[in-house]
């Protein structure tokens, strides 16, 4: 069982930056593929990006070049660095841990990009 707690969300102006964190409890954090998802009002949840146990990353086209995912296995934490934020990045951001048939979600953190 893995419990995930996201933090770092908030209100930011267009063009600004935020760094989200997702702290995981439990053991064997390093084996999980960690993903960041987001859900805007009235829209389906979508993958923002993910990082594998081998630290390979992939990103949605809409965030490539602006967002960076990293992980610190010693701290059981995954990060999402978001730069050049746009109003369309406004959403609740969720952390996900996946390994084989197991999948765990955090409670989400709100990111609002507005002037």
C-alpha atoms as a PDB file:
ATOM      1  CA  UNK A   1       0.000   0.000   0.000  1.00  0.00           C
ATOM      2  CA  UNK A   2       1.266   3.475  -0.922  1.00  0.00           C
ATOM      3  CA  UNK A   3      -0.102   6.766   0.307  1.00  0.00           C
ATOM      4  CA  UNK A   4       0.613   9.881  -1.727  1.00  0.00           C
ATOM      5  CA  UNK A   5       0.397  13.491  -0.569  1.00  0.00           C
ATOM      6  CA  UNK A   6       0.742  16.338  -3.042  1.00  0.00           C
ATOM      7  CA  UNK A   7       1.763  19.864  -2.105  1.00  0.00           C
ATOM      8  CA  UNK A   8       2.929  23.074  -3.717  1.00  0.00           C
ATOM      9  CA  UNK A   9      -0.157  24.160  -5.586  1.00  0.00           C
ATOM     10  CA  UNK A  10      -1.504  27.684  -5.529  1.00  0.00           C
ATOM     11  CA  UNK A  11      -2.275  30.787  -7.522  1.00  0.00           C
ATOM     12  CA  UNK A  12       0.327  32.037  -9.980  1.00  0.00           C
ATOM     13  CA  UNK A  13       0.340  34.623 -12.743  1.00  0.00           C
ATOM     14  CA  UNK A  14       0.745  33.623 -16.381  1.00  0.00           C
ATOM     15  CA  UNK A  15       4.402  33.094 -17.170  1.00  0.00           C
ATOM     16  CA  UNK A  16       5.174  32.162 -13.592  1.00  0.00           C
ATOM     17  CA  UNK A  17       6.498  28.957 -12.072  1.00  0.00           C
ATOM     18  CA  UNK A  18       5.462  26.448  -9.449  1.00  0.00           C
ATOM     19  CA  UNK A  19       6.984  23.249  -8.146  1.00  0.00           C
ATOM     20  CA  UNK A  20       4.683  20.497  -7.001  1.00  0.00           C
ATOM     21  CA  UNK A  21       5.831  17.743  -4.689  1.00  0.00           C
ATOM     22  CA  UNK A  22       4.381  14.313  -4.058  1.00  0.00           C
ATOM     23  CA  UNK A  23       5.551  12.512  -0.947  1.00  0.00           C
ATOM     24  CA  UNK A  24       4.998   8.772  -0.775  1.00  0.00           C
ATOM     25  CA  UNK A  25       4.729   6.562   2.258  1.00  0.00           C
ATOM     26  CA  UNK A  26       5.543   2.894   2.250  1.00  0.00           C
ATOM     27  CA  UNK A  27       8.499   0.934   1.011  1.00  0.00           C
ATOM     28  CA  UNK A  28       9.998   0.278  -2.397  1.00  0.00           C
ATOM     29  CA  UNK A  29       9.236   3.748  -3.737  1.00  0.00           C
ATOM     30  CA  UNK A  30      11.951   3.311  -6.332  1.00  0.00           C
ATOM     31  CA  UNK A  31      10.141   0.546  -8.201  1.00  0.00           C
ATOM     32  CA  UNK A  32       7.106   2.660  -9.020  1.00  0.00           C
ATOM     33  CA  UNK A  33       6.480   4.616 -12.167  1.00  0.00           C
ATOM     34  CA  UNK A  34       5.360   7.990 -10.870  1.00  0.00           C
ATOM     35  CA  UNK A  35       2.970  10.069 -12.884  1.00  0.00           C
ATOM     36  CA  UNK A  36       1.455  13.514 -12.706  1.00  0.00           C
ATOM     37  CA  UNK A  37      -2.076  13.956 -13.999  1.00  0.00           C
ATOM     38  CA  UNK A  38      -4.400  16.932 -14.068  1.00  0.00           C
ATOM     39  CA  UNK A  39      -8.097  17.528 -14.326  1.00  0.00           C
ATOM     40  CA  UNK A  40      -9.617  20.836 -15.292  1.00  0.00           C
ATOM     41  CA  UNK A  41     -13.281  21.640 -14.582  1.00  0.00           C
ATOM     42  CA  UNK A  42     -15.549  19.825 -17.007  1.00  0.00           C
ATOM     43  CA  UNK A  43     -12.701  17.860 -18.534  1.00  0.00           C
ATOM     44  CA  UNK A  44     -11.315  14.371 -18.175  1.00  0.00           C
ATOM     45  CA  UNK A  45      -8.221  13.655 -16.179  1.00  0.00           C
ATOM     46  CA  UNK A  46      -5.167  13.683 -18.420  1.00  0.00           C
ATOM     47  CA  UNK A  47      -1.572  12.576 -18.123  1.00  0.00           C
ATOM     48  CA  UNK A  48       0.879  15.444 -17.726  1.00  0.00           C
ATOM     49  CA  UNK A  49       3.976  13.279 -17.573  1.00  0.00           C
ATOM     50  CA  UNK A  50       5.633  10.353 -15.879  1.00  0.00           C
ATOM     51  CA  UNK A  51       9.004   9.105 -14.690  1.00  0.00           C
ATOM     52  CA  UNK A  52       9.938   5.446 -14.545  1.00  0.00           C
ATOM     53  CA  UNK A  53      12.041   3.627 -11.984  1.00  0.00           C
ATOM     54  CA  UNK A  54      14.937   4.065 -14.409  1.00  0.00           C
ATOM     55  CA  UNK A  55      14.212   7.811 -14.548  1.00  0.00           C
ATOM     56  CA  UNK A  56      12.999   7.808 -18.115  1.00  0.00           C
ATOM     57  CA  UNK A  57      10.451  10.560 -18.605  1.00  0.00           C
ATOM     58  CA  UNK A  58       7.629  11.313 -20.981  1.00  0.00           C
ATOM     59  CA  UNK A  59       5.391  14.354 -21.256  1.00  0.00           C
ATOM     60  CA  UNK A  60       2.154  15.465 -22.833  1.00  0.00           C
ATOM     61  CA  UNK A  61       2.752  17.598 -25.901  1.00  0.00           C
ATOM     62  CA  UNK A  62       1.029  20.520 -24.214  1.00  0.00           C
ATOM     63  CA  UNK A  63       3.695  20.744 -21.494  1.00  0.00           C
ATOM     64  CA  UNK A  64       6.870  19.645 -23.281  1.00  0.00           C
ATOM     65  CA  UNK A  65       9.655  22.144 -22.794  1.00  0.00           C
ATOM     66  CA  UNK A  66       7.849  23.811 -19.891  1.00  0.00           C
ATOM     67  CA  UNK A  67       7.378  21.074 -17.280  1.00  0.00           C
ATOM     68  CA  UNK A  68       9.996  18.754 -15.796  1.00  0.00           C
ATOM     69  CA  UNK A  69       9.457  15.680 -13.655  1.00  0.00           C
ATOM     70  CA  UNK A  70      12.130  14.416 -11.303  1.00  0.00           C
ATOM     71  CA  UNK A  71      12.320  12.036  -8.379  1.00  0.00           C
ATOM     72  CA  UNK A  72      14.361  11.637  -5.222  1.00  0.00           C
ATOM     73  CA  UNK A  73      14.141   8.031  -4.121  1.00  0.00           C
ATOM     74  CA  UNK A  74      15.978   8.762  -0.879  1.00  0.00           C
ATOM     75  CA  UNK A  75      13.143  11.124   0.075  1.00  0.00           C
ATOM     76  CA  UNK A  76      10.322   9.052  -1.463  1.00  0.00           C
ATOM     77  CA  UNK A  77       9.323  12.146  -3.389  1.00  0.00           C
ATOM     78  CA  UNK A  78       8.526  13.060  -6.975  1.00  0.00           C
ATOM     79  CA  UNK A  79       8.474  16.635  -8.250  1.00  0.00           C
ATOM     80  CA  UNK A  80       6.816  18.523 -11.058  1.00  0.00           C
ATOM     81  CA  UNK A  81       8.576  21.745 -11.974  1.00  0.00           C
ATOM     82  CA  UNK A  82       6.212  23.914 -13.986  1.00  0.00           C
ATOM     83  CA  UNK A  83       7.551  26.938 -15.843  1.00  0.00           C
ATOM     84  CA  UNK A  84       5.988  29.407 -18.259  1.00  0.00           C
ATOM     85  CA  UNK A  85       2.573  28.604 -16.865  1.00  0.00           C
ATOM     86  CA  UNK A  86      -0.500  29.384 -18.918  1.00  0.00           C
ATOM     87  CA  UNK A  87      -4.133  29.874 -17.901  1.00  0.00           C
ATOM     88  CA  UNK A  88      -4.946  26.566 -19.601  1.00  0.00           C
ATOM     89  CA  UNK A  89      -2.675  24.808 -17.083  1.00  0.00           C
ATOM     90  CA  UNK A  90      -5.258  25.563 -14.405  1.00  0.00           C
ATOM     91  CA  UNK A  91      -6.415  22.254 -12.931  1.00  0.00           C
ATOM     92  CA  UNK A  92      -6.234  19.952  -9.977  1.00  0.00           C
ATOM     93  CA  UNK A  93      -2.947  18.073 -10.228  1.00  0.00           C
ATOM     94  CA  UNK A  94      -2.756  14.487  -9.032  1.00  0.00           C
ATOM     95  CA  UNK A  95       0.159  12.228  -8.296  1.00  0.00           C
ATOM     96  CA  UNK A  96       0.002   8.554  -9.252  1.00  0.00           C
ATOM     97  CA  UNK A  97       2.184   5.576  -8.362  1.00  0.00           C
ATOM     98  CA  UNK A  98       2.017   2.534 -10.597  1.00  0.00           C
ATOM     99  CA  UNK A  99       3.670  -0.869 -10.491  1.00  0.00           C
ATOM    100  CA  UNK A 100       2.358  -3.912 -12.309  1.00  0.00           C
ATOM    101  CA  UNK A 101      -1.371  -4.059 -11.473  1.00  0.00           C
ATOM    102  CA  UNK A 102      -1.187  -1.654  -8.533  1.00  0.00           C
ATOM    103  CA  UNK A 103      -2.094   2.008  -8.902  1.00  0.00           C
ATOM    104  CA  UNK A 104      -2.363   4.632  -6.170  1.00  0.00           C
ATOM    105  CA  UNK A 105      -3.557   8.246  -6.235  1.00  0.00           C
ATOM    106  CA  UNK A 106      -3.025  11.295  -4.115  1.00  0.00           C
ATOM    107  CA  UNK A 107      -5.790  13.691  -3.138  1.00  0.00           C
ATOM    108  CA  UNK A 108      -4.729  16.382  -5.591  1.00  0.00           C
ATOM    109  CA  UNK A 109      -3.520  19.960  -5.338  1.00  0.00           C
ATOM    110  CA  UNK A 110      -5.090  22.954  -7.061  1.00  0.00           C
ATOM    111  CA  UNK A 111      -3.061  25.021  -9.504  1.00  0.00           C
ATOM    112  CA  UNK A 112      -4.618  28.234 -10.747  1.00  0.00           C
ATOM    113  CA  UNK A 113      -2.935  30.364 -13.374  1.00  0.00           C
ATOM    114  CA  UNK A 114      -4.531  33.773 -13.547  1.00  0.00           C
ATOM    115  CA  UNK A 115      -3.690  37.435 -13.545  1.00  0.00           C
END
